[in-house]
Amino acid sequence: MMRQILLFMTLLFFSVSGFASNVRINKLVNLNFEYVRLVKLVSDDCLKTTQKLLGLPDSQDLWISAMGCYSFLLEKREKLEREVLIPLRRLKFPQGELTQKEKDFVALVYIADDNIEEIAKQLEPLIKKYRFKKKRK
C-alpha cells in the first residue's frame, strides 16, 4: 500500500511539473515574444550592415550605422540573457508539447543570439584595427 501511494505521488509530481513548465514557457513567450522579434529583426539588419562594412571599411556612414546598431544590440543582449535565455535554459520541455508559437519563440531567441555573436566576430577585429591606427597617429 505504501508503495502504491509513493508511486502515485511520484507520478502526480511529474505530471504537475510538466504542466508547470508548460505554464512557464507560455508566460515567457507571451511576455517577451515581440521584444525577441524586434531584437532578431535589428540583428538581421545590423548583420547586413556589418557585412557591407567589411566590403567598404573606409565608409564613415557604414561605421556609424554598424557601431550604433552593435551598441544597441549589446544592451539588448544583456536583457535578452537575463530575462529570456537564462529562464529558457532552466525550463524542461515536455517532449513534443510545444505550440508553434513557442517553437518560433525559441528559434528567434537563438537566431538573434547567434546573429549578435556573428556581428561581434566581424566587428571586433575592425574596431581593434581602427583603435590601433588611431593610437599610432
N, C-alpha and C. Protein backbone atom coordinates (compact mmCIF):
# COMPACT_ATOMS: atom_id res chain seq x y z
N MET A 1 0.82 -1.20 0.00
CA MET A 1 0.00 0.00 0.00
C MET A 1 0.87 1.26 0.00
N MET A 2 1.91 1.23 0.81
CA MET A 2 2.80 2.38 0.88
C MET A 2 3.49 2.62 -0.47
N ARG A 3 3.87 1.55 -1.15
CA ARG A 3 4.49 1.67 -2.46
C ARG A 3 3.54 2.29 -3.47
N GLN A 4 2.28 1.91 -3.41
CA GLN A 4 1.30 2.45 -4.34
C GLN A 4 1.10 3.95 -4.11
N ILE A 5 1.08 4.34 -2.86
CA ILE A 5 0.93 5.77 -2.54
C ILE A 5 2.16 6.53 -3.02
N LEU A 6 3.34 5.97 -2.78
CA LEU A 6 4.57 6.61 -3.21
C LEU A 6 4.64 6.72 -4.74
N LEU A 7 4.23 5.67 -5.43
CA LEU A 7 4.20 5.67 -6.89
C LEU A 7 3.20 6.72 -7.40
N PHE A 8 2.03 6.76 -6.78
CA PHE A 8 1.02 7.74 -7.15
C PHE A 8 1.53 9.17 -6.96
N MET A 9 2.18 9.43 -5.84
CA MET A 9 2.70 10.77 -5.55
C MET A 9 3.81 11.15 -6.55
N THR A 10 4.64 10.18 -6.91
CA THR A 10 5.71 10.43 -7.87
C THR A 10 5.12 10.77 -9.24
N LEU A 11 4.16 9.98 -9.69
CA LEU A 11 3.52 10.25 -10.97
C LEU A 11 2.80 11.59 -10.96
N LEU A 12 2.14 11.89 -9.87
CA LEU A 12 1.46 13.17 -9.74
C LEU A 12 2.46 14.33 -9.82
N PHE A 13 3.59 14.18 -9.15
CA PHE A 13 4.61 15.22 -9.17
C PHE A 13 5.12 15.45 -10.59
N PHE A 14 5.42 14.38 -11.31
CA PHE A 14 5.94 14.53 -12.67
C PHE A 14 4.91 15.13 -13.62
N SER A 15 3.65 14.77 -13.44
CA SER A 15 2.63 15.35 -14.31
C SER A 15 2.43 16.83 -14.00
N VAL A 16 2.49 17.21 -12.73
CA VAL A 16 2.34 18.61 -12.34
C VAL A 16 3.56 19.41 -12.77
N SER A 17 4.76 18.83 -12.65
CA SER A 17 5.96 19.58 -13.04
C SER A 17 5.96 19.81 -14.55
N GLY A 18 5.46 18.86 -15.34
CA GLY A 18 5.33 19.07 -16.78
C GLY A 18 4.34 20.17 -17.08
N PHE A 19 3.24 20.20 -16.35
CA PHE A 19 2.25 21.26 -16.51
C PHE A 19 2.85 22.61 -16.13
N ALA A 20 3.62 22.62 -15.04
CA ALA A 20 4.22 23.88 -14.59
C ALA A 20 5.20 24.42 -15.62
N SER A 21 5.97 23.54 -16.25
CA SER A 21 6.91 24.04 -17.26
C SER A 21 6.16 24.56 -18.48
N ASN A 22 5.01 23.95 -18.82
CA ASN A 22 4.20 24.48 -19.92
C ASN A 22 3.69 25.87 -19.59
N VAL A 23 3.26 26.07 -18.36
CA VAL A 23 2.77 27.38 -17.94
C VAL A 23 3.90 28.40 -17.99
N ARG A 24 5.10 28.00 -17.54
CA ARG A 24 6.23 28.93 -17.54
C ARG A 24 6.67 29.31 -18.95
N ILE A 25 6.74 28.33 -19.85
CA ILE A 25 7.15 28.66 -21.23
C ILE A 25 6.09 29.54 -21.89
N ASN A 26 4.82 29.27 -21.61
CA ASN A 26 3.74 30.08 -22.16
C ASN A 26 3.84 31.52 -21.66
N LYS A 27 4.11 31.69 -20.37
CA LYS A 27 4.25 33.02 -19.79
C LYS A 27 5.47 33.73 -20.37
N LEU A 28 6.58 33.01 -20.50
CA LEU A 28 7.80 33.58 -21.07
C LEU A 28 7.58 34.04 -22.50
N VAL A 29 6.88 33.23 -23.28
CA VAL A 29 6.59 33.57 -24.68
C VAL A 29 5.68 34.79 -24.75
N ASN A 30 4.62 34.79 -23.97
CA ASN A 30 3.67 35.91 -24.02
C ASN A 30 4.30 37.23 -23.60
N LEU A 31 5.19 37.19 -22.61
CA LEU A 31 5.80 38.42 -22.13
C LEU A 31 6.88 38.96 -23.08
N ASN A 32 7.57 38.08 -23.77
CA ASN A 32 8.78 38.50 -24.48
C ASN A 32 8.77 38.28 -25.98
N PHE A 33 7.70 37.79 -26.57
CA PHE A 33 7.73 37.44 -27.99
C PHE A 33 8.03 38.65 -28.87
N GLU A 34 7.33 39.74 -28.67
CA GLU A 34 7.53 40.93 -29.50
C GLU A 34 8.93 41.52 -29.30
N TYR A 35 9.41 41.51 -28.07
CA TYR A 35 10.75 42.01 -27.78
C TYR A 35 11.81 41.18 -28.51
N VAL A 36 11.69 39.87 -28.45
CA VAL A 36 12.65 38.99 -29.11
C VAL A 36 12.56 39.16 -30.62
N ARG A 37 11.35 39.30 -31.13
CA ARG A 37 11.18 39.53 -32.57
C ARG A 37 11.87 40.82 -33.02
N LEU A 38 11.73 41.88 -32.22
CA LEU A 38 12.38 43.15 -32.51
C LEU A 38 13.90 42.99 -32.51
N VAL A 39 14.44 42.34 -31.50
CA VAL A 39 15.89 42.14 -31.41
C VAL A 39 16.39 41.33 -32.59
N LYS A 40 15.63 40.33 -33.00
CA LYS A 40 16.03 39.49 -34.14
C LYS A 40 16.04 40.31 -35.43
N LEU A 41 15.02 41.14 -35.64
CA LEU A 41 14.97 41.98 -36.84
C LEU A 41 16.12 42.99 -36.88
N VAL A 42 16.39 43.61 -35.74
CA VAL A 42 17.51 44.56 -35.67
C VAL A 42 18.83 43.85 -35.90
N SER A 43 18.98 42.65 -35.34
CA SER A 43 20.23 41.91 -35.51
C SER A 43 20.42 41.48 -36.97
N ASP A 44 19.33 41.14 -37.65
CA ASP A 44 19.43 40.81 -39.08
C ASP A 44 19.93 42.02 -39.88
N ASP A 45 19.34 43.18 -39.60
CA ASP A 45 19.73 44.40 -40.30
C ASP A 45 21.17 44.79 -39.97
N CYS A 46 21.54 44.66 -38.72
CA CYS A 46 22.90 45.00 -38.30
C CYS A 46 23.92 44.05 -38.92
N LEU A 47 23.55 42.79 -39.06
CA LEU A 47 24.44 41.82 -39.69
C LEU A 47 24.70 42.19 -41.15
N LYS A 48 23.65 42.62 -41.85
CA LYS A 48 23.81 43.07 -43.24
C LYS A 48 24.71 44.31 -43.32
N THR A 49 24.50 45.24 -42.40
CA THR A 49 25.32 46.46 -42.37
C THR A 49 26.78 46.11 -42.09
N THR A 50 27.00 45.19 -41.18
CA THR A 50 28.37 44.77 -40.84
C THR A 50 29.04 44.11 -42.03
N GLN A 51 28.29 43.31 -42.76
CA GLN A 51 28.87 42.66 -43.94
C GLN A 51 29.20 43.69 -45.03
N LYS A 52 28.36 44.72 -45.16
CA LYS A 52 28.67 45.80 -46.10
C LYS A 52 29.94 46.54 -45.65
N LEU A 53 30.07 46.74 -44.34
CA LEU A 53 31.23 47.43 -43.80
C LEU A 53 32.52 46.65 -44.08
N LEU A 54 32.45 45.34 -44.05
CA LEU A 54 33.63 44.53 -44.36
C LEU A 54 34.08 44.77 -45.80
N GLY A 55 33.13 45.02 -46.69
CA GLY A 55 33.47 45.30 -48.08
C GLY A 55 33.97 46.72 -48.29
N LEU A 56 33.48 47.65 -47.50
CA LEU A 56 33.88 49.06 -47.62
C LEU A 56 34.33 49.59 -46.25
N PRO A 57 35.50 49.20 -45.76
CA PRO A 57 35.89 49.58 -44.40
C PRO A 57 36.18 51.07 -44.21
N ASP A 58 36.28 51.84 -45.28
CA ASP A 58 36.56 53.27 -45.15
C ASP A 58 35.30 54.13 -45.15
N SER A 59 34.14 53.52 -45.27
CA SER A 59 32.89 54.27 -45.31
C SER A 59 32.49 54.71 -43.90
N GLN A 60 32.50 56.02 -43.69
CA GLN A 60 32.18 56.55 -42.37
C GLN A 60 30.72 56.32 -42.01
N ASP A 61 29.82 56.44 -42.98
CA ASP A 61 28.40 56.21 -42.72
C ASP A 61 28.14 54.77 -42.27
N LEU A 62 28.80 53.82 -42.92
CA LEU A 62 28.64 52.42 -42.51
C LEU A 62 29.22 52.17 -41.12
N TRP A 63 30.34 52.82 -40.81
CA TRP A 63 30.92 52.68 -39.47
C TRP A 63 29.94 53.17 -38.41
N ILE A 64 29.37 54.34 -38.64
CA ILE A 64 28.43 54.93 -37.68
C ILE A 64 27.21 54.03 -37.52
N SER A 65 26.68 53.58 -38.63
CA SER A 65 25.50 52.71 -38.59
C SER A 65 25.80 51.38 -37.90
N ALA A 66 26.92 50.77 -38.25
CA ALA A 66 27.28 49.47 -37.67
C ALA A 66 27.55 49.59 -36.17
N MET A 67 28.27 50.62 -35.77
CA MET A 67 28.58 50.79 -34.34
C MET A 67 27.33 51.14 -33.54
N GLY A 68 26.44 51.92 -34.14
CA GLY A 68 25.19 52.26 -33.45
C GLY A 68 24.33 51.04 -33.20
N CYS A 69 24.15 50.24 -34.23
CA CYS A 69 23.30 49.06 -34.04
C CYS A 69 24.00 48.01 -33.18
N TYR A 70 25.33 47.93 -33.25
CA TYR A 70 26.06 46.98 -32.42
C TYR A 70 25.95 47.35 -30.94
N SER A 71 26.09 48.62 -30.60
CA SER A 71 25.96 49.02 -29.20
C SER A 71 24.52 48.83 -28.72
N PHE A 72 23.56 49.10 -29.58
CA PHE A 72 22.15 48.85 -29.24
C PHE A 72 21.93 47.37 -28.95
N LEU A 73 22.49 46.51 -29.81
CA LEU A 73 22.31 45.07 -29.63
C LEU A 73 23.02 44.54 -28.39
N LEU A 74 24.15 45.14 -28.04
CA LEU A 74 24.83 44.71 -26.81
C LEU A 74 23.98 44.99 -25.58
N GLU A 75 23.32 46.15 -25.58
CA GLU A 75 22.39 46.47 -24.48
C GLU A 75 21.24 45.48 -24.44
N LYS A 76 20.66 45.22 -25.60
CA LYS A 76 19.50 44.33 -25.67
C LYS A 76 19.89 42.89 -25.36
N ARG A 77 21.13 42.51 -25.68
CA ARG A 77 21.57 41.14 -25.41
C ARG A 77 21.65 40.89 -23.90
N GLU A 78 22.05 41.92 -23.13
CA GLU A 78 22.08 41.76 -21.68
C GLU A 78 20.68 41.46 -21.15
N LYS A 79 19.70 42.22 -21.62
CA LYS A 79 18.32 41.98 -21.19
C LYS A 79 17.83 40.63 -21.70
N LEU A 80 18.18 40.29 -22.93
CA LEU A 80 17.79 39.00 -23.51
C LEU A 80 18.37 37.86 -22.69
N GLU A 81 19.62 37.99 -22.29
CA GLU A 81 20.27 36.96 -21.48
C GLU A 81 19.57 36.81 -20.13
N ARG A 82 19.35 37.94 -19.48
CA ARG A 82 18.79 37.95 -18.13
C ARG A 82 17.32 37.51 -18.09
N GLU A 83 16.52 38.01 -19.02
CA GLU A 83 15.08 37.79 -18.93
C GLU A 83 14.56 36.64 -19.79
N VAL A 84 15.36 36.19 -20.77
CA VAL A 84 14.86 35.15 -21.67
C VAL A 84 15.75 33.91 -21.70
N LEU A 85 17.03 34.08 -22.00
CA LEU A 85 17.90 32.92 -22.18
C LEU A 85 18.08 32.10 -20.91
N ILE A 86 18.35 32.77 -19.79
CA ILE A 86 18.56 32.03 -18.54
C ILE A 86 17.28 31.29 -18.13
N PRO A 87 16.10 31.96 -18.11
CA PRO A 87 14.88 31.19 -17.77
C PRO A 87 14.58 30.09 -18.78
N LEU A 88 14.88 30.32 -20.04
CA LEU A 88 14.63 29.32 -21.08
C LEU A 88 15.49 28.08 -20.87
N ARG A 89 16.72 28.29 -20.47
CA ARG A 89 17.61 27.16 -20.20
C ARG A 89 17.18 26.36 -18.98
N ARG A 90 16.52 27.01 -18.04
CA ARG A 90 16.08 26.32 -16.82
C ARG A 90 14.84 25.45 -17.04
N LEU A 91 14.08 25.77 -18.06
CA LEU A 91 12.85 25.02 -18.31
C LEU A 91 13.15 23.65 -18.87
N LYS A 92 12.35 22.70 -18.46
CA LYS A 92 12.43 21.36 -19.03
C LYS A 92 11.21 21.20 -19.92
N PHE A 93 11.46 21.04 -21.21
CA PHE A 93 10.36 20.96 -22.16
C PHE A 93 9.83 19.55 -22.26
N PRO A 94 8.52 19.37 -22.09
CA PRO A 94 7.94 18.05 -22.33
C PRO A 94 8.09 17.71 -23.81
N GLN A 95 8.38 16.46 -24.09
CA GLN A 95 8.64 16.03 -25.47
C GLN A 95 7.43 16.31 -26.36
N GLY A 96 7.60 17.13 -27.38
CA GLY A 96 6.58 17.36 -28.39
C GLY A 96 5.36 18.14 -27.93
N GLU A 97 5.44 18.85 -26.82
CA GLU A 97 4.26 19.56 -26.33
C GLU A 97 4.32 21.07 -26.53
N LEU A 98 5.27 21.56 -27.30
CA LEU A 98 5.34 22.99 -27.55
C LEU A 98 4.42 23.37 -28.70
N THR A 99 3.79 24.53 -28.55
CA THR A 99 2.97 25.04 -29.64
C THR A 99 3.89 25.63 -30.71
N GLN A 100 3.33 25.94 -31.86
CA GLN A 100 4.14 26.51 -32.94
C GLN A 100 4.70 27.87 -32.54
N LYS A 101 3.93 28.67 -31.82
CA LYS A 101 4.41 29.97 -31.38
C LYS A 101 5.59 29.81 -30.42
N GLU A 102 5.52 28.83 -29.53
CA GLU A 102 6.62 28.58 -28.60
C GLU A 102 7.87 28.11 -29.34
N LYS A 103 7.69 27.26 -30.34
CA LYS A 103 8.83 26.81 -31.15
C LYS A 103 9.45 27.99 -31.90
N ASP A 104 8.60 28.85 -32.46
CA ASP A 104 9.09 30.04 -33.16
C ASP A 104 9.86 30.95 -32.22
N PHE A 105 9.33 31.10 -31.01
CA PHE A 105 9.98 31.93 -30.00
C PHE A 105 11.38 31.42 -29.67
N VAL A 106 11.49 30.13 -29.41
CA VAL A 106 12.80 29.54 -29.09
C VAL A 106 13.76 29.73 -30.26
N ALA A 107 13.27 29.52 -31.47
CA ALA A 107 14.12 29.70 -32.65
C ALA A 107 14.57 31.16 -32.78
N LEU A 108 13.65 32.11 -32.58
CA LEU A 108 14.01 33.52 -32.67
C LEU A 108 15.07 33.91 -31.65
N VAL A 109 14.93 33.39 -30.43
CA VAL A 109 15.89 33.70 -29.37
C VAL A 109 17.29 33.27 -29.78
N TYR A 110 17.41 32.04 -30.24
CA TYR A 110 18.74 31.53 -30.56
C TYR A 110 19.29 32.11 -31.86
N ILE A 111 18.44 32.43 -32.82
CA ILE A 111 18.90 33.07 -34.05
C ILE A 111 19.41 34.48 -33.74
N ALA A 112 18.67 35.23 -32.92
CA ALA A 112 19.11 36.58 -32.55
C ALA A 112 20.44 36.53 -31.80
N ASP A 113 20.58 35.58 -30.89
CA ASP A 113 21.82 35.44 -30.14
C ASP A 113 22.99 35.08 -31.07
N ASP A 114 22.75 34.18 -32.01
CA ASP A 114 23.79 33.82 -32.98
C ASP A 114 24.17 35.01 -33.86
N ASN A 115 23.17 35.80 -34.27
CA ASN A 115 23.46 36.99 -35.08
C ASN A 115 24.34 37.98 -34.32
N ILE A 116 24.03 38.19 -33.05
CA ILE A 116 24.82 39.12 -32.25
C ILE A 116 26.26 38.62 -32.10
N GLU A 117 26.42 37.33 -31.90
CA GLU A 117 27.78 36.76 -31.81
C GLU A 117 28.52 36.92 -33.14
N GLU A 118 27.84 36.70 -34.25
CA GLU A 118 28.46 36.83 -35.56
C GLU A 118 28.87 38.28 -35.83
N ILE A 119 28.03 39.22 -35.44
CA ILE A 119 28.36 40.64 -35.60
C ILE A 119 29.60 40.98 -34.78
N ALA A 120 29.65 40.48 -33.56
CA ALA A 120 30.82 40.73 -32.71
C ALA A 120 32.09 40.15 -33.32
N LYS A 121 32.00 38.95 -33.88
CA LYS A 121 33.18 38.33 -34.51
C LYS A 121 33.68 39.15 -35.69
N GLN A 122 32.76 39.77 -36.41
CA GLN A 122 33.15 40.55 -37.58
C GLN A 122 33.61 41.96 -37.22
N LEU A 123 32.98 42.57 -36.21
CA LEU A 123 33.31 43.96 -35.88
C LEU A 123 34.51 44.11 -34.96
N GLU A 124 34.69 43.22 -34.02
CA GLU A 124 35.76 43.37 -33.04
C GLU A 124 37.14 43.52 -33.68
N PRO A 125 37.51 42.69 -34.68
CA PRO A 125 38.82 42.91 -35.31
C PRO A 125 38.94 44.28 -35.99
N LEU A 126 37.86 44.74 -36.60
CA LEU A 126 37.88 46.06 -37.24
C LEU A 126 38.03 47.17 -36.21
N ILE A 127 37.35 47.02 -35.08
CA ILE A 127 37.43 48.02 -34.02
C ILE A 127 38.85 48.08 -33.46
N LYS A 128 39.45 46.92 -33.21
CA LYS A 128 40.82 46.88 -32.70
C LYS A 128 41.80 47.49 -33.70
N LYS A 129 41.61 47.18 -34.96
CA LYS A 129 42.47 47.71 -36.02
C LYS A 129 42.35 49.24 -36.08
N TYR A 130 41.13 49.74 -35.99
CA TYR A 130 40.89 51.18 -36.04
C TYR A 130 41.51 51.87 -34.83
N ARG A 131 41.34 51.28 -33.65
CA ARG A 131 41.92 51.88 -32.43
C ARG A 131 43.44 51.90 -32.51
N PHE A 132 44.02 50.84 -33.05
CA PHE A 132 45.48 50.78 -33.19
C PHE A 132 45.97 51.87 -34.13
N LYS A 133 45.27 52.07 -35.25
CA LYS A 133 45.64 53.12 -36.20
C LYS A 133 45.52 54.49 -35.54
N LYS A 134 44.47 54.69 -34.76
CA LYS A 134 44.22 55.97 -34.13
C LYS A 134 45.31 56.29 -33.10
N LYS A 135 45.77 55.27 -32.36
CA LYS A 135 46.83 55.49 -31.36
C LYS A 135 48.16 55.81 -32.02
N ARG A 136 48.42 55.27 -33.19
CA ARG A 136 49.69 55.49 -33.87
C ARG A 136 49.80 56.91 -34.42
N LYS A 137 48.69 57.55 -34.70
CA LYS A 137 48.72 58.91 -35.29
C LYS A 137 49.14 59.91 -34.30
